[in-house]
Amino acid sequence: AIFSGDPASAIKHFLKAWAAARATGQIRQAIIAASNASDSFATLGDLNAALEWDEQALELARSNGLPSMMGSALIQTGNILRLLGRHQDAKNALQEAQSAMAGFADSTTYSISLQYMGELKLDMGEPQLALDYFDQVGQRVAVADSPQMLLRCWRGQAEALCRLAQPQAALTKVAAALKLAEEESGTDEQINLLRI
C-alpha cells in the first residue's frame, strides 16, 4: 500500500503488524511497524501522529536495549521534530542517534542521520554547517547503492550553496540531481529540485 501511494491503507496494515508483533514478542518487527506507520502518517501530513508512533518505536527499542533500532527510531523522531519546528529537540534526538550508532558509523542509517542533521541546519539558518553534513553524506553514498539518498543529499547541497551565495555551484549540483531524478522516475524529487 505504501508503494502504491495509499498511505491510509498502509497505516492500517502497519498498526495490525504492530499489534501482532507485540502480541508474539517480535520486538524488532514491532519497532519497524511503528516506524513505518509513522512514515505513513507523515506522508499524510499528520506530524503529531507520526511523532506519537516514532516515540512508541523509540520506547520499545530503549526498553529492550537495541542500539541500532534505537538509533533508527531516534533518527526518525528527530526528523519529525524538525518538521514540527522543534529544532532543539530535533538536534538532541539526532545527536543521541549518532552516539547510539557510533558502532554502526558505516551504515546507511548513520548516513541518514547526517542527512537529517543537514536538513535541520538548513532550517536553523546555518547553511555552511548544513553543507558540511551533506558533503559527509555525499562521500558515503554512491549512486548504485542509494540513488534516492544521493538525490536528497545533492538537493541539500544545492540549497546550502544557494544560501551561501554560490548560485553557479548550486546550479551545477541541481543539474546533476535532476538528471538522476529523471533516471529514477523521482517526480517529487524533480519538483523539489526545480524549486531550488
N, C-alpha and C. Protein backbone atom coordinates (compact mmCIF):
# COMPACT_ATOMS: atom_id res chain seq x y z
N ALA A 1 0.83 -1.21 0.00
CA ALA A 1 0.00 0.00 0.00
C ALA A 1 0.86 1.26 0.00
N ILE A 2 1.96 1.22 0.75
CA ILE A 2 2.79 2.43 0.83
C ILE A 2 3.45 2.71 -0.52
N PHE A 3 3.83 1.65 -1.24
CA PHE A 3 4.50 1.85 -2.52
C PHE A 3 3.53 2.13 -3.65
N SER A 4 2.25 1.94 -3.42
CA SER A 4 1.26 2.24 -4.45
C SER A 4 0.55 3.55 -4.17
N GLY A 5 1.08 4.34 -3.21
CA GLY A 5 0.53 5.66 -2.95
C GLY A 5 -0.74 5.66 -2.12
N ASP A 6 -0.88 4.69 -1.24
CA ASP A 6 -2.07 4.61 -0.40
C ASP A 6 -1.64 4.55 1.07
N PRO A 7 -1.15 5.69 1.61
CA PRO A 7 -0.65 5.68 2.98
C PRO A 7 -1.72 5.37 4.03
N ALA A 8 -2.98 5.71 3.75
CA ALA A 8 -4.04 5.42 4.72
C ALA A 8 -4.20 3.91 4.92
N SER A 9 -4.21 3.16 3.82
CA SER A 9 -4.28 1.70 3.94
C SER A 9 -3.00 1.16 4.57
N ALA A 10 -1.89 1.74 4.23
CA ALA A 10 -0.62 1.29 4.80
C ALA A 10 -0.65 1.43 6.32
N ILE A 11 -1.19 2.53 6.81
CA ILE A 11 -1.27 2.74 8.26
C ILE A 11 -2.05 1.60 8.91
N LYS A 12 -3.19 1.24 8.33
CA LYS A 12 -4.00 0.16 8.90
C LYS A 12 -3.19 -1.13 9.00
N HIS A 13 -2.46 -1.44 7.93
CA HIS A 13 -1.67 -2.68 7.92
C HIS A 13 -0.51 -2.60 8.92
N PHE A 14 0.16 -1.45 8.98
CA PHE A 14 1.29 -1.32 9.90
C PHE A 14 0.82 -1.41 11.36
N LEU A 15 -0.34 -0.85 11.65
CA LEU A 15 -0.86 -0.92 13.02
C LEU A 15 -1.27 -2.35 13.39
N LYS A 16 -1.80 -3.09 12.42
CA LYS A 16 -2.09 -4.51 12.66
C LYS A 16 -0.79 -5.27 12.88
N ALA A 17 0.21 -4.97 12.07
CA ALA A 17 1.52 -5.63 12.22
C ALA A 17 2.13 -5.31 13.59
N TRP A 18 1.99 -4.06 14.03
CA TRP A 18 2.48 -3.64 15.35
C TRP A 18 1.83 -4.49 16.44
N ALA A 19 0.51 -4.60 16.39
CA ALA A 19 -0.21 -5.35 17.42
C ALA A 19 0.17 -6.83 17.39
N ALA A 20 0.27 -7.40 16.20
CA ALA A 20 0.62 -8.82 16.08
C ALA A 20 2.06 -9.06 16.56
N ALA A 21 2.96 -8.18 16.21
CA ALA A 21 4.35 -8.34 16.64
C ALA A 21 4.48 -8.20 18.15
N ARG A 22 3.77 -7.25 18.72
CA ARG A 22 3.79 -7.08 20.19
C ARG A 22 3.22 -8.32 20.87
N ALA A 23 2.13 -8.84 20.33
CA ALA A 23 1.47 -9.99 20.94
C ALA A 23 2.33 -11.25 20.88
N THR A 24 3.22 -11.33 19.90
CA THR A 24 4.04 -12.54 19.72
C THR A 24 5.49 -12.32 20.12
N GLY A 25 5.80 -11.17 20.72
CA GLY A 25 7.15 -10.92 21.21
C GLY A 25 8.18 -10.62 20.15
N GLN A 26 7.74 -10.20 18.98
CA GLN A 26 8.66 -9.87 17.89
C GLN A 26 9.01 -8.38 17.97
N ILE A 27 9.95 -8.05 18.83
CA ILE A 27 10.27 -6.67 19.17
C ILE A 27 10.74 -5.87 17.96
N ARG A 28 11.70 -6.41 17.23
CA ARG A 28 12.22 -5.68 16.05
C ARG A 28 11.10 -5.40 15.04
N GLN A 29 10.26 -6.40 14.79
CA GLN A 29 9.16 -6.22 13.85
C GLN A 29 8.18 -5.16 14.35
N ALA A 30 7.95 -5.13 15.65
CA ALA A 30 7.05 -4.12 16.22
C ALA A 30 7.62 -2.72 16.02
N ILE A 31 8.92 -2.58 16.25
CA ILE A 31 9.58 -1.28 16.07
C ILE A 31 9.49 -0.85 14.62
N ILE A 32 9.76 -1.77 13.71
CA ILE A 32 9.71 -1.45 12.28
C ILE A 32 8.29 -1.06 11.88
N ALA A 33 7.28 -1.80 12.38
CA ALA A 33 5.89 -1.48 12.04
C ALA A 33 5.51 -0.09 12.55
N ALA A 34 5.91 0.23 13.78
CA ALA A 34 5.61 1.56 14.34
C ALA A 34 6.29 2.65 13.53
N SER A 35 7.54 2.42 13.14
CA SER A 35 8.27 3.41 12.34
C SER A 35 7.63 3.60 10.97
N ASN A 36 7.20 2.50 10.36
CA ASN A 36 6.54 2.60 9.06
C ASN A 36 5.19 3.29 9.18
N ALA A 37 4.48 3.04 10.26
CA ALA A 37 3.22 3.75 10.49
C ALA A 37 3.49 5.25 10.61
N SER A 38 4.56 5.59 11.33
CA SER A 38 4.93 6.99 11.47
C SER A 38 5.20 7.64 10.12
N ASP A 39 5.98 6.95 9.27
CA ASP A 39 6.26 7.48 7.93
C ASP A 39 4.97 7.72 7.15
N SER A 40 4.04 6.79 7.30
CA SER A 40 2.77 6.92 6.57
C SER A 40 1.95 8.09 7.09
N PHE A 41 1.93 8.26 8.42
CA PHE A 41 1.24 9.43 8.97
C PHE A 41 1.89 10.72 8.48
N ALA A 42 3.22 10.75 8.43
CA ALA A 42 3.93 11.94 7.95
C ALA A 42 3.59 12.22 6.50
N THR A 43 3.48 11.16 5.69
CA THR A 43 3.10 11.32 4.29
C THR A 43 1.74 11.99 4.16
N LEU A 44 0.84 11.65 5.09
CA LEU A 44 -0.49 12.27 5.08
C LEU A 44 -0.51 13.66 5.71
N GLY A 45 0.63 14.07 6.28
CA GLY A 45 0.71 15.39 6.89
C GLY A 45 0.32 15.43 8.36
N ASP A 46 0.08 14.28 8.95
CA ASP A 46 -0.29 14.22 10.37
C ASP A 46 1.00 14.01 11.18
N LEU A 47 1.71 15.10 11.41
CA LEU A 47 3.01 15.01 12.07
C LEU A 47 2.89 14.65 13.55
N ASN A 48 1.80 15.04 14.18
CA ASN A 48 1.61 14.68 15.59
C ASN A 48 1.45 13.17 15.76
N ALA A 49 0.66 12.55 14.90
CA ALA A 49 0.51 11.10 14.94
C ALA A 49 1.83 10.43 14.57
N ALA A 50 2.53 11.00 13.61
CA ALA A 50 3.84 10.46 13.23
C ALA A 50 4.79 10.46 14.42
N LEU A 51 4.81 11.58 15.14
CA LEU A 51 5.68 11.68 16.32
C LEU A 51 5.27 10.66 17.38
N GLU A 52 3.98 10.49 17.58
CA GLU A 52 3.49 9.53 18.58
C GLU A 52 3.99 8.12 18.27
N TRP A 53 3.92 7.71 17.00
CA TRP A 53 4.36 6.36 16.64
C TRP A 53 5.88 6.24 16.66
N ASP A 54 6.59 7.30 16.29
CA ASP A 54 8.05 7.27 16.42
C ASP A 54 8.45 7.12 17.88
N GLU A 55 7.75 7.82 18.76
CA GLU A 55 8.06 7.73 20.19
C GLU A 55 7.76 6.33 20.73
N GLN A 56 6.71 5.68 20.22
CA GLN A 56 6.44 4.30 20.64
C GLN A 56 7.55 3.36 20.18
N ALA A 57 8.00 3.55 18.95
CA ALA A 57 9.11 2.72 18.45
C ALA A 57 10.36 2.95 19.28
N LEU A 58 10.63 4.20 19.60
CA LEU A 58 11.81 4.55 20.39
C LEU A 58 11.74 3.95 21.78
N GLU A 59 10.60 4.05 22.43
CA GLU A 59 10.44 3.49 23.78
C GLU A 59 10.66 1.99 23.78
N LEU A 60 10.13 1.32 22.78
CA LEU A 60 10.30 -0.13 22.69
C LEU A 60 11.76 -0.50 22.45
N ALA A 61 12.45 0.25 21.60
CA ALA A 61 13.87 -0.01 21.35
C ALA A 61 14.70 0.25 22.60
N ARG A 62 14.41 1.35 23.29
CA ARG A 62 15.15 1.67 24.53
C ARG A 62 14.95 0.59 25.60
N SER A 63 13.70 0.21 25.81
CA SER A 63 13.39 -0.72 26.90
C SER A 63 13.93 -2.12 26.63
N ASN A 64 14.29 -2.40 25.37
CA ASN A 64 14.83 -3.71 25.04
C ASN A 64 16.33 -3.66 24.72
N GLY A 65 16.95 -2.49 24.91
CA GLY A 65 18.39 -2.37 24.72
C GLY A 65 18.88 -2.72 23.33
N LEU A 66 18.21 -2.19 22.32
CA LEU A 66 18.59 -2.47 20.93
C LEU A 66 19.19 -1.20 20.31
N PRO A 67 20.53 -1.04 20.36
CA PRO A 67 21.13 0.24 19.93
C PRO A 67 20.88 0.61 18.47
N SER A 68 20.94 -0.35 17.56
CA SER A 68 20.71 0.03 16.16
C SER A 68 19.27 0.43 15.93
N MET A 69 18.33 -0.28 16.56
CA MET A 69 16.92 0.08 16.43
C MET A 69 16.63 1.40 17.14
N MET A 70 17.30 1.61 18.27
CA MET A 70 17.13 2.87 19.00
C MET A 70 17.65 4.03 18.15
N GLY A 71 18.82 3.83 17.52
CA GLY A 71 19.36 4.87 16.65
C GLY A 71 18.43 5.20 15.51
N SER A 72 17.87 4.18 14.90
CA SER A 72 16.95 4.38 13.79
C SER A 72 15.69 5.13 14.24
N ALA A 73 15.16 4.73 15.39
CA ALA A 73 13.96 5.41 15.92
C ALA A 73 14.27 6.86 16.29
N LEU A 74 15.44 7.11 16.85
CA LEU A 74 15.83 8.48 17.19
C LEU A 74 15.98 9.34 15.94
N ILE A 75 16.51 8.76 14.88
CA ILE A 75 16.67 9.50 13.63
C ILE A 75 15.31 9.92 13.11
N GLN A 76 14.37 8.99 13.07
CA GLN A 76 13.04 9.32 12.58
C GLN A 76 12.35 10.33 13.50
N THR A 77 12.52 10.16 14.79
CA THR A 77 11.92 11.10 15.74
C THR A 77 12.50 12.49 15.54
N GLY A 78 13.82 12.55 15.36
CA GLY A 78 14.48 13.83 15.12
C GLY A 78 13.96 14.52 13.88
N ASN A 79 13.74 13.75 12.82
CA ASN A 79 13.24 14.36 11.59
C ASN A 79 11.82 14.89 11.76
N ILE A 80 10.97 14.14 12.44
CA ILE A 80 9.59 14.61 12.67
C ILE A 80 9.61 15.86 13.55
N LEU A 81 10.46 15.86 14.57
CA LEU A 81 10.58 17.05 15.42
C LEU A 81 11.03 18.26 14.59
N ARG A 82 11.93 18.03 13.66
CA ARG A 82 12.38 19.11 12.76
C ARG A 82 11.21 19.64 11.94
N LEU A 83 10.43 18.72 11.38
CA LEU A 83 9.29 19.13 10.58
C LEU A 83 8.25 19.88 11.40
N LEU A 84 8.19 19.58 12.70
CA LEU A 84 7.28 20.29 13.61
C LEU A 84 7.86 21.63 14.07
N GLY A 85 9.08 21.95 13.66
CA GLY A 85 9.72 23.21 14.05
C GLY A 85 10.35 23.17 15.43
N ARG A 86 10.49 22.01 16.01
CA ARG A 86 11.09 21.86 17.33
C ARG A 86 12.58 21.56 17.15
N HIS A 87 13.31 22.58 16.74
CA HIS A 87 14.69 22.40 16.30
C HIS A 87 15.63 21.88 17.37
N GLN A 88 15.56 22.42 18.56
CA GLN A 88 16.49 21.96 19.61
C GLN A 88 16.21 20.51 19.98
N ASP A 89 14.94 20.14 20.08
CA ASP A 89 14.58 18.75 20.36
C ASP A 89 15.06 17.83 19.23
N ALA A 90 14.91 18.30 18.00
CA ALA A 90 15.37 17.52 16.85
C ALA A 90 16.88 17.32 16.90
N LYS A 91 17.60 18.39 17.21
CA LYS A 91 19.06 18.30 17.30
C LYS A 91 19.47 17.31 18.38
N ASN A 92 18.82 17.38 19.53
CA ASN A 92 19.13 16.45 20.62
C ASN A 92 18.90 15.01 20.20
N ALA A 93 17.77 14.75 19.54
CA ALA A 93 17.45 13.38 19.11
C ALA A 93 18.46 12.88 18.09
N LEU A 94 18.83 13.74 17.14
CA LEU A 94 19.78 13.31 16.11
C LEU A 94 21.18 13.09 16.69
N GLN A 95 21.58 13.94 17.61
CA GLN A 95 22.87 13.73 18.26
C GLN A 95 22.89 12.45 19.09
N GLU A 96 21.79 12.19 19.79
CA GLU A 96 21.70 10.95 20.56
C GLU A 96 21.73 9.74 19.63
N ALA A 97 21.08 9.86 18.48
CA ALA A 97 21.09 8.77 17.49
C ALA A 97 22.51 8.48 17.04
N GLN A 98 23.26 9.53 16.75
CA GLN A 98 24.63 9.33 16.28
C GLN A 98 25.49 8.70 17.37
N SER A 99 25.27 9.08 18.61
CA SER A 99 26.00 8.45 19.72
C SER A 99 25.62 6.98 19.86
N ALA A 100 24.33 6.70 19.78
CA ALA A 100 23.85 5.32 19.91
C ALA A 100 24.37 4.44 18.79
N MET A 101 24.60 5.05 17.62
CA MET A 101 25.01 4.28 16.46
C MET A 101 26.50 4.41 16.16
N ALA A 102 27.27 4.82 17.14
CA ALA A 102 28.71 5.00 16.91
C ALA A 102 29.35 3.73 16.37
N GLY A 103 28.89 2.59 16.80
CA GLY A 103 29.42 1.32 16.31
C GLY A 103 28.93 0.96 14.92
N PHE A 104 27.99 1.73 14.40
CA PHE A 104 27.42 1.47 13.07
C PHE A 104 27.64 2.67 12.14
N ALA A 105 28.76 3.36 12.33
CA ALA A 105 29.01 4.61 11.60
C ALA A 105 29.13 4.42 10.09
N ASP A 106 29.34 3.21 9.64
CA ASP A 106 29.42 2.96 8.19
C ASP A 106 28.07 2.58 7.58
N SER A 107 27.03 2.57 8.40
CA SER A 107 25.73 2.11 7.92
C SER A 107 24.98 3.21 7.16
N THR A 108 24.04 2.77 6.36
CA THR A 108 23.15 3.70 5.66
C THR A 108 22.34 4.51 6.66
N THR A 109 21.92 3.88 7.73
CA THR A 109 21.12 4.57 8.74
C THR A 109 21.90 5.73 9.35
N TYR A 110 23.18 5.53 9.61
CA TYR A 110 24.00 6.62 10.14
C TYR A 110 24.09 7.75 9.12
N SER A 111 24.23 7.40 7.84
CA SER A 111 24.26 8.43 6.80
C SER A 111 22.95 9.22 6.76
N ILE A 112 21.84 8.54 7.01
CA ILE A 112 20.55 9.23 7.06
C ILE A 112 20.54 10.24 8.21
N SER A 113 21.17 9.88 9.33
CA SER A 113 21.23 10.83 10.46
C SER A 113 22.00 12.08 10.07
N LEU A 114 23.06 11.92 9.28
CA LEU A 114 23.82 13.07 8.79
C LEU A 114 22.97 13.92 7.84
N GLN A 115 22.22 13.23 6.99
CA GLN A 115 21.32 13.92 6.05
C GLN A 115 20.31 14.77 6.81
N TYR A 116 19.66 14.17 7.80
CA TYR A 116 18.65 14.90 8.57
C TYR A 116 19.28 16.04 9.36
N MET A 117 20.50 15.84 9.82
CA MET A 117 21.18 16.93 10.54
C MET A 117 21.45 18.09 9.57
N GLY A 118 21.81 17.77 8.33
CA GLY A 118 21.99 18.82 7.33
C GLY A 118 20.71 19.57 7.07
N GLU A 119 19.60 18.84 6.96
CA GLU A 119 18.31 19.49 6.74
C GLU A 119 17.92 20.37 7.93
N LEU A 120 18.23 19.88 9.13
CA LEU A 120 17.96 20.67 10.33
C LEU A 120 18.78 21.96 10.32
N LYS A 121 20.04 21.87 9.94
CA LYS A 121 20.89 23.06 9.90
C LYS A 121 20.38 24.06 8.86
N LEU A 122 19.84 23.57 7.75
CA LEU A 122 19.22 24.50 6.79
C LEU A 122 18.04 25.21 7.44
N ASP A 123 17.20 24.44 8.13
CA ASP A 123 16.02 25.03 8.79
C ASP A 123 16.43 26.04 9.86
N MET A 124 17.58 25.82 10.47
CA MET A 124 18.06 26.71 11.54
C MET A 124 18.85 27.90 10.99
N GLY A 125 18.97 28.00 9.66
CA GLY A 125 19.68 29.13 9.06
C GLY A 125 21.19 29.02 9.16
N GLU A 126 21.71 27.80 9.14
CA GLU A 126 23.15 27.57 9.23
C GLU A 126 23.62 26.80 7.99
N PRO A 127 23.65 27.49 6.81
CA PRO A 127 23.92 26.78 5.56
C PRO A 127 25.31 26.17 5.47
N GLN A 128 26.33 26.79 6.07
CA GLN A 128 27.66 26.20 5.97
C GLN A 128 27.73 24.87 6.73
N LEU A 129 27.14 24.84 7.92
CA LEU A 129 27.11 23.58 8.67
C LEU A 129 26.27 22.54 7.93
N ALA A 130 25.17 22.99 7.32
CA ALA A 130 24.34 22.07 6.53
C ALA A 130 25.16 21.47 5.40
N LEU A 131 25.89 22.32 4.69
CA LEU A 131 26.71 21.85 3.57
C LEU A 131 27.74 20.83 4.05
N ASP A 132 28.33 21.07 5.21
CA ASP A 132 29.30 20.13 5.77
C ASP A 132 28.67 18.76 5.98
N TYR A 133 27.45 18.73 6.53
CA TYR A 133 26.76 17.45 6.73
C TYR A 133 26.43 16.78 5.40
N PHE A 134 25.91 17.56 4.45
CA PHE A 134 25.56 16.98 3.15
C PHE A 134 26.81 16.45 2.44
N ASP A 135 27.93 17.16 2.59
CA ASP A 135 29.19 16.68 1.99
C ASP A 135 29.61 15.34 2.59
N GLN A 136 29.41 15.18 3.89
CA GLN A 136 29.73 13.90 4.53
C GLN A 136 28.86 12.78 3.95
N VAL A 137 27.59 13.08 3.74
CA VAL A 137 26.69 12.08 3.16
C VAL A 137 27.14 11.75 1.75
N GLY A 138 27.46 12.77 0.97
CA GLY A 138 27.89 12.57 -0.41
C GLY A 138 29.14 11.70 -0.52
N GLN A 139 30.03 11.79 0.45
CA GLN A 139 31.23 10.97 0.44
C GLN A 139 30.93 9.52 0.79
N ARG A 140 29.82 9.27 1.46
CA ARG A 140 29.48 7.93 1.92
C ARG A 140 28.58 7.16 0.96
N VAL A 141 27.82 7.87 0.13
CA VAL A 141 26.77 7.23 -0.66
C VAL A 141 27.13 7.25 -2.14
N ALA A 142 26.97 6.11 -2.78
CA ALA A 142 27.19 6.01 -4.23
C ALA A 142 25.84 5.90 -4.92
N VAL A 143 25.80 6.28 -6.19
CA VAL A 143 24.55 6.24 -6.95
C VAL A 143 23.97 4.83 -6.96
N ALA A 144 24.82 3.84 -7.17
CA ALA A 144 24.35 2.45 -7.27
C ALA A 144 23.74 1.97 -5.95
N ASP A 145 24.28 2.46 -4.83
CA ASP A 145 23.81 1.99 -3.53
C ASP A 145 22.46 2.58 -3.15
N SER A 146 22.31 3.88 -3.32
CA SER A 146 21.09 4.54 -2.88
C SER A 146 20.85 5.82 -3.66
N PRO A 147 20.27 5.69 -4.86
CA PRO A 147 20.06 6.90 -5.66
C PRO A 147 19.14 7.91 -4.98
N GLN A 148 18.11 7.44 -4.26
CA GLN A 148 17.20 8.38 -3.60
C GLN A 148 17.91 9.18 -2.52
N MET A 149 18.77 8.51 -1.77
CA MET A 149 19.50 9.21 -0.72
C MET A 149 20.48 10.21 -1.33
N LEU A 150 21.12 9.82 -2.41
CA LEU A 150 22.05 10.73 -3.07
C LEU A 150 21.31 11.93 -3.64
N LEU A 151 20.11 11.71 -4.16
CA LEU A 151 19.30 12.82 -4.65
C LEU A 151 19.01 13.83 -3.54
N ARG A 152 18.61 13.33 -2.37
CA ARG A 152 18.32 14.23 -1.25
C ARG A 152 19.59 14.95 -0.79
N CYS A 153 20.70 14.25 -0.86
CA CYS A 153 21.98 14.86 -0.49
C CYS A 153 22.31 16.00 -1.45
N TRP A 154 22.23 15.72 -2.75
CA TRP A 154 22.55 16.76 -3.74
C TRP A 154 21.59 17.94 -3.64
N ARG A 155 20.31 17.64 -3.37
CA ARG A 155 19.34 18.73 -3.18
C ARG A 155 19.75 19.60 -1.99
N GLY A 156 20.13 18.96 -0.90
CA GLY A 156 20.57 19.70 0.28
C GLY A 156 21.80 20.53 0.01
N GLN A 157 22.76 19.94 -0.72
CA GLN A 157 23.97 20.69 -1.07
C GLN A 157 23.62 21.91 -1.92
N ALA A 158 22.73 21.71 -2.89
CA ALA A 158 22.34 22.82 -3.77
C ALA A 158 21.66 23.93 -2.99
N GLU A 159 20.77 23.56 -2.08
CA GLU A 159 20.09 24.59 -1.29
C GLU A 159 21.07 25.34 -0.39
N ALA A 160 21.99 24.59 0.23
CA ALA A 160 23.00 25.25 1.07
C ALA A 160 23.88 26.18 0.24
N LEU A 161 24.27 25.74 -0.94
CA LEU A 161 25.09 26.58 -1.81
C LEU A 161 24.35 27.85 -2.22
N CYS A 162 23.05 27.74 -2.48
CA CYS A 162 22.24 28.94 -2.78
C CYS A 162 22.30 29.92 -1.63
N ARG A 163 22.10 29.41 -0.43
CA ARG A 163 22.08 30.28 0.75
C ARG A 163 23.46 30.86 1.06
N LEU A 164 24.49 30.21 0.54
CA LEU A 164 25.85 30.71 0.72
C LEU A 164 26.29 31.61 -0.44
N ALA A 165 25.31 32.03 -1.26
CA ALA A 165 25.55 32.92 -2.40
C ALA A 165 26.54 32.32 -3.40
N GLN A 166 26.34 31.03 -3.69
CA GLN A 166 27.14 30.34 -4.70
C GLN A 166 26.20 29.72 -5.74
N PRO A 167 25.49 30.59 -6.50
CA PRO A 167 24.45 30.09 -7.39
C PRO A 167 24.98 29.17 -8.50
N GLN A 168 26.17 29.43 -9.02
CA GLN A 168 26.68 28.59 -10.12
C GLN A 168 26.95 27.17 -9.63
N ALA A 169 27.55 27.06 -8.46
CA ALA A 169 27.80 25.73 -7.88
C ALA A 169 26.48 25.03 -7.58
N ALA A 170 25.49 25.80 -7.12
CA ALA A 170 24.17 25.23 -6.82
C ALA A 170 23.52 24.73 -8.10
N LEU A 171 23.60 25.51 -9.18
CA LEU A 171 23.01 25.08 -10.46
C LEU A 171 23.66 23.81 -10.99
N THR A 172 24.97 23.70 -10.84
CA THR A 172 25.68 22.50 -11.27
C THR A 172 25.19 21.28 -10.50
N LYS A 173 25.02 21.44 -9.19
CA LYS A 173 24.56 20.34 -8.35
C LYS A 173 23.12 19.98 -8.70
N VAL A 174 22.27 20.98 -8.93
CA VAL A 174 20.88 20.73 -9.28
C VAL A 174 20.78 20.01 -10.62
N ALA A 175 21.61 20.41 -11.59
CA ALA A 175 21.57 19.76 -12.91
C ALA A 175 21.90 18.27 -12.80
N ALA A 176 22.92 17.94 -12.03
CA ALA A 176 23.27 16.53 -11.84
C ALA A 176 22.15 15.78 -11.13
N ALA A 177 21.57 16.42 -10.14
CA ALA A 177 20.48 15.78 -9.38
C ALA A 177 19.24 15.59 -10.25
N LEU A 178 18.91 16.58 -11.08
CA LEU A 178 17.75 16.45 -11.96
C LEU A 178 17.93 15.29 -12.94
N LYS A 179 19.14 15.14 -13.46
CA LYS A 179 19.41 14.03 -14.39
C LYS A 179 19.17 12.70 -13.68
N LEU A 180 19.68 12.57 -12.48
CA LEU A 180 19.48 11.34 -11.71
C LEU A 180 18.01 11.14 -11.36
N ALA A 181 17.31 12.21 -11.00
CA ALA A 181 15.89 12.10 -10.65
C ALA A 181 15.07 11.64 -11.84
N GLU A 182 15.42 12.12 -13.03
CA GLU A 182 14.70 11.69 -14.24
C GLU A 182 14.94 10.21 -14.50
N GLU A 183 16.18 9.75 -14.29
CA GLU A 183 16.50 8.33 -14.48
C GLU A 183 15.78 7.45 -13.47
N GLU A 184 15.61 7.97 -12.28
CA GLU A 184 15.00 7.19 -11.20
C GLU A 184 13.49 7.40 -11.12
N SER A 185 12.91 8.16 -12.04
CA SER A 185 11.48 8.48 -12.04
C SER A 185 11.04 9.15 -10.74
N GLY A 186 11.87 10.02 -10.23
CA GLY A 186 11.57 10.70 -8.98
C GLY A 186 10.86 12.01 -9.19
N THR A 187 9.56 11.96 -9.48
CA THR A 187 8.80 13.18 -9.76
C THR A 187 8.80 14.15 -8.59
N ASP A 188 8.57 13.64 -7.38
CA ASP A 188 8.57 14.52 -6.21
C ASP A 188 9.93 15.19 -6.06
N GLU A 189 10.97 14.42 -6.23
CA GLU A 189 12.32 14.98 -6.08
C GLU A 189 12.62 15.98 -7.20
N GLN A 190 12.12 15.71 -8.41
CA GLN A 190 12.31 16.67 -9.50
C GLN A 190 11.66 18.01 -9.16
N ILE A 191 10.47 17.97 -8.57
CA ILE A 191 9.78 19.20 -8.19
C ILE A 191 10.59 19.95 -7.13
N ASN A 192 11.07 19.23 -6.13
CA ASN A 192 11.89 19.86 -5.09
C ASN A 192 13.15 20.50 -5.67
N LEU A 193 13.77 19.81 -6.62
CA LEU A 193 14.98 20.33 -7.24
C LEU A 193 14.68 21.56 -8.10
N LEU A 194 13.58 21.53 -8.83
CA LEU A 194 13.21 22.68 -9.67
C LEU A 194 12.90 23.91 -8.82
N ARG A 195 12.37 23.71 -7.62
CA ARG A 195 12.14 24.85 -6.71
C ARG A 195 13.47 25.52 -6.37
N ILE A 196 14.48 24.72 -6.12
CA ILE A 196 15.80 25.29 -5.79
C ILE A 196 16.37 26.02 -6.98
